[in-house]
Amino acid sequence: MVVPSANVLENCYAAGEVKIIKTAATTGITSAGGLVGLWRKGTIKNCAVLGASVVATGGSSPAAGRIYGSSGGGSGFGSAMNNYGNADMYVGATNPVTVTGSTDNNNKHGADTPYTNFANAYWWRSSPQFNETNWDFINTPYRFRPAVKDTKGVVMIGQ
């Protein structure tokens, strides 16, 4: 995903693995992030990334991060606020490593979060500040993460 203008990506999470492979035949920036690859303007806030890895390979300067891969460019820079990443996630360009010791939830990796926290409804309400108006923590089809509700307050099918 590329976020090109002054937008807000808020109260979302991703649970998959991300891998960007740039070959000689491809052009452009090699940037991988758990939520956003290349991020230029706007704010990413109150989000979490649960996946096992984010990897970018190839190109002259590949970039990877738990929340976003790289920011900036011709149209400016964005901001990150109150984001969280799986503490056991492998992140990197070419040779991924585990990002450790990050307590800063306002950077490209977000704050380290033990995977067990993702199974805790209280954590979702307090840390990334998900609310019960939009999210269901009890009647969820998922074992460890909240489900999005529709405008009538019913868990949406097929998430």
Protein backbone atom coordinates (compact mmCIF):
# COMPACT_ATOMS: atom_id res chain seq x y z
CA MET A 1 0.00 0.00 0.00
CA VAL A 2 1.19 3.52 -0.78
CA VAL A 3 -0.28 6.40 1.25
CA PRO A 4 0.44 9.44 -0.97
CA SER A 5 -1.51 12.29 0.61
CA ALA A 6 -2.48 13.69 4.00
CA ASN A 7 -4.66 10.84 5.23
CA VAL A 8 -5.06 8.98 8.50
CA LEU A 9 -4.73 5.21 8.79
CA GLU A 10 -6.20 4.53 12.23
CA ASN A 11 -7.33 1.63 14.43
CA CYS A 12 -6.35 -1.16 12.08
CA TYR A 13 -4.25 -4.28 12.29
CA ALA A 14 -2.59 -6.74 9.94
CA ALA A 15 -1.89 -10.38 10.66
CA GLY A 16 -0.13 -11.61 7.50
CA GLU A 17 3.48 -11.91 6.43
CA VAL A 18 4.92 -9.44 3.91
CA LYS A 19 7.71 -10.12 1.42
CA ILE A 20 8.75 -7.79 -1.39
CA ILE A 21 11.26 -9.15 -3.92
CA LYS A 22 12.69 -6.75 -6.46
CA THR A 23 14.29 -8.33 -9.50
CA ALA A 24 16.30 -6.80 -12.33
CA ALA A 25 13.09 -6.69 -14.39
CA THR A 26 11.16 -4.61 -11.84
CA THR A 27 11.51 -0.90 -11.18
CA GLY A 28 10.64 1.41 -8.31
CA ILE A 29 11.21 1.48 -4.60
CA THR A 30 11.65 -1.74 -2.62
CA SER A 31 9.82 -0.95 0.59
CA ALA A 32 7.87 -3.40 2.76
CA GLY A 33 5.81 -2.66 5.85
CA GLY A 34 3.32 -4.58 7.96
CA LEU A 35 0.68 -1.93 7.15
CA VAL A 36 2.20 0.40 4.55
CA GLY A 37 5.21 -0.02 2.25
CA LEU A 38 5.98 3.51 1.07
CA TRP A 39 4.40 6.22 3.20
CA ARG A 40 4.66 9.86 2.24
CA LYS A 41 2.14 11.99 4.13
CA GLY A 42 -0.50 11.55 6.75
CA THR A 43 -0.63 9.71 10.03
CA ILE A 44 -0.60 6.04 10.98
CA LYS A 45 -1.99 5.75 14.49
CA ASN A 46 -3.40 3.26 16.98
CA CYS A 47 -2.48 0.27 14.79
CA ALA A 48 -0.90 -3.15 15.39
CA VAL A 49 0.98 -5.64 13.23
CA LEU A 50 0.80 -9.27 14.36
CA GLY A 51 2.58 -11.08 11.48
CA ALA A 52 5.74 -13.17 11.68
CA SER A 53 7.87 -11.27 9.16
CA VAL A 54 8.29 -8.23 6.91
CA VAL A 55 11.09 -8.58 4.36
CA ALA A 56 12.27 -6.46 1.41
CA THR A 57 14.98 -7.73 -0.94
CA GLY A 58 16.66 -6.40 -4.05
CA GLY A 59 17.17 -2.91 -5.37
CA SER A 60 19.79 -0.40 -4.27
CA SER A 61 18.36 0.35 -0.82
CA PRO A 62 15.52 -1.94 0.25
CA ALA A 63 13.66 -0.91 3.41
CA ALA A 64 11.43 -2.81 5.84
CA GLY A 65 9.58 -2.02 9.07
CA ARG A 66 6.91 -3.57 11.24
CA ILE A 67 4.52 -0.63 10.67
CA TYR A 68 5.88 1.00 7.47
CA GLY A 69 8.88 0.35 5.23
CA SER A 70 10.04 3.85 4.34
CA SER A 71 8.64 7.35 4.44
CA GLY A 72 9.21 10.56 2.62
CA GLY A 73 10.10 11.29 -0.92
CA GLY A 74 9.12 14.14 -3.15
CA SER A 75 5.84 14.86 -1.42
CA GLY A 76 6.92 14.93 2.24
CA PHE A 77 6.92 12.80 5.35
CA GLY A 78 4.17 11.38 7.53
CA SER A 79 3.90 10.71 11.24
CA ALA A 80 3.42 7.57 13.30
CA MET A 81 1.60 7.61 16.62
CA ASN A 82 0.82 4.86 19.13
CA ASN A 83 1.57 1.79 16.98
CA TYR A 84 2.59 -1.72 18.04
CA GLY A 85 4.46 -4.60 16.40
CA ASN A 86 4.89 -8.28 17.20
CA ALA A 87 8.06 -8.47 19.33
CA ASP A 88 9.03 -11.79 17.68
CA MET A 89 8.64 -10.54 14.10
CA TYR A 90 11.57 -10.85 11.68
CA VAL A 91 12.15 -7.54 9.89
CA GLY A 92 14.71 -6.56 7.34
CA ALA A 93 16.22 -6.17 3.97
CA THR A 94 18.05 -9.24 2.69
CA ASN A 95 18.95 -10.65 6.17
CA PRO A 96 15.95 -10.14 8.50
CA VAL A 97 16.48 -9.78 12.24
CA THR A 98 14.14 -9.47 15.20
CA VAL A 99 13.62 -5.84 16.23
CA THR A 100 14.17 -5.80 19.97
CA GLY A 101 13.96 -3.29 22.76
CA SER A 102 11.66 -0.84 21.00
CA THR A 103 9.48 1.02 23.48
CA ASP A 104 8.85 3.86 21.02
CA ASN A 105 5.39 3.43 19.56
CA ASN A 106 5.88 6.44 17.26
CA ASN A 107 8.40 5.01 14.76
CA LYS A 108 8.46 2.65 11.75
CA HIS A 109 8.56 -0.45 13.96
CA GLY A 110 6.12 0.55 16.70
CA ALA A 111 6.57 -0.63 20.27
CA ASP A 112 7.54 -4.25 20.95
CA THR A 113 4.43 -6.21 21.86
CA PRO A 114 4.53 -9.81 23.13
CA TYR A 115 2.33 -12.01 20.96
CA THR A 116 0.31 -13.05 24.03
CA ASN A 117 -0.98 -9.46 24.35
CA PHE A 118 -2.88 -9.85 21.08
CA ALA A 119 -5.18 -12.38 22.83
CA ASN A 120 -6.12 -9.84 25.50
CA ALA A 121 -9.21 -7.67 24.90
CA TYR A 122 -8.03 -5.20 27.56
CA TRP A 123 -4.75 -4.69 25.64
CA TRP A 124 -6.66 -3.87 22.41
CA ARG A 125 -8.85 -1.34 24.25
CA SER A 126 -6.03 0.37 26.15
CA SER A 127 -2.90 0.24 23.98
CA PRO A 128 -3.99 0.78 20.37
CA GLN A 129 -7.27 2.20 21.75
CA PHE A 130 -9.76 0.10 19.76
CA ASN A 131 -13.30 0.90 20.92
CA GLU A 132 -16.28 -1.40 21.37
CA THR A 133 -18.44 0.69 19.05
CA ASN A 134 -16.45 -0.48 16.01
CA TRP A 135 -14.79 -3.66 17.30
CA ASP A 136 -16.07 -6.88 18.90
CA PHE A 137 -13.73 -8.55 21.38
CA ILE A 138 -16.08 -11.35 22.49
CA ASN A 139 -18.09 -12.71 19.53
CA THR A 140 -15.16 -12.78 17.18
CA PRO A 141 -14.49 -15.58 14.68
CA TYR A 142 -10.81 -15.18 15.54
CA ARG A 143 -9.07 -16.78 18.46
CA PHE A 144 -6.93 -13.80 19.40
CA ARG A 145 -7.95 -10.61 17.63
CA PRO A 146 -10.97 -8.30 17.45
CA ALA A 147 -13.51 -8.32 14.63
CA VAL A 148 -14.91 -5.25 12.84
CA LYS A 149 -18.60 -4.44 13.40
CA ASP A 150 -20.94 -3.03 10.78
CA THR A 151 -23.01 0.13 11.31
CA LYS A 152 -25.66 -1.91 13.19
CA GLY A 153 -23.07 -3.26 15.64
CA VAL A 154 -22.97 -6.77 14.14
CA VAL A 155 -19.68 -8.56 13.44
CA MET A 156 -19.06 -8.39 9.69
CA ILE A 157 -18.89 -11.76 7.91
CA GLY A 158 -15.87 -12.76 5.81
CA GLN A 159 -13.19 -10.65 7.47
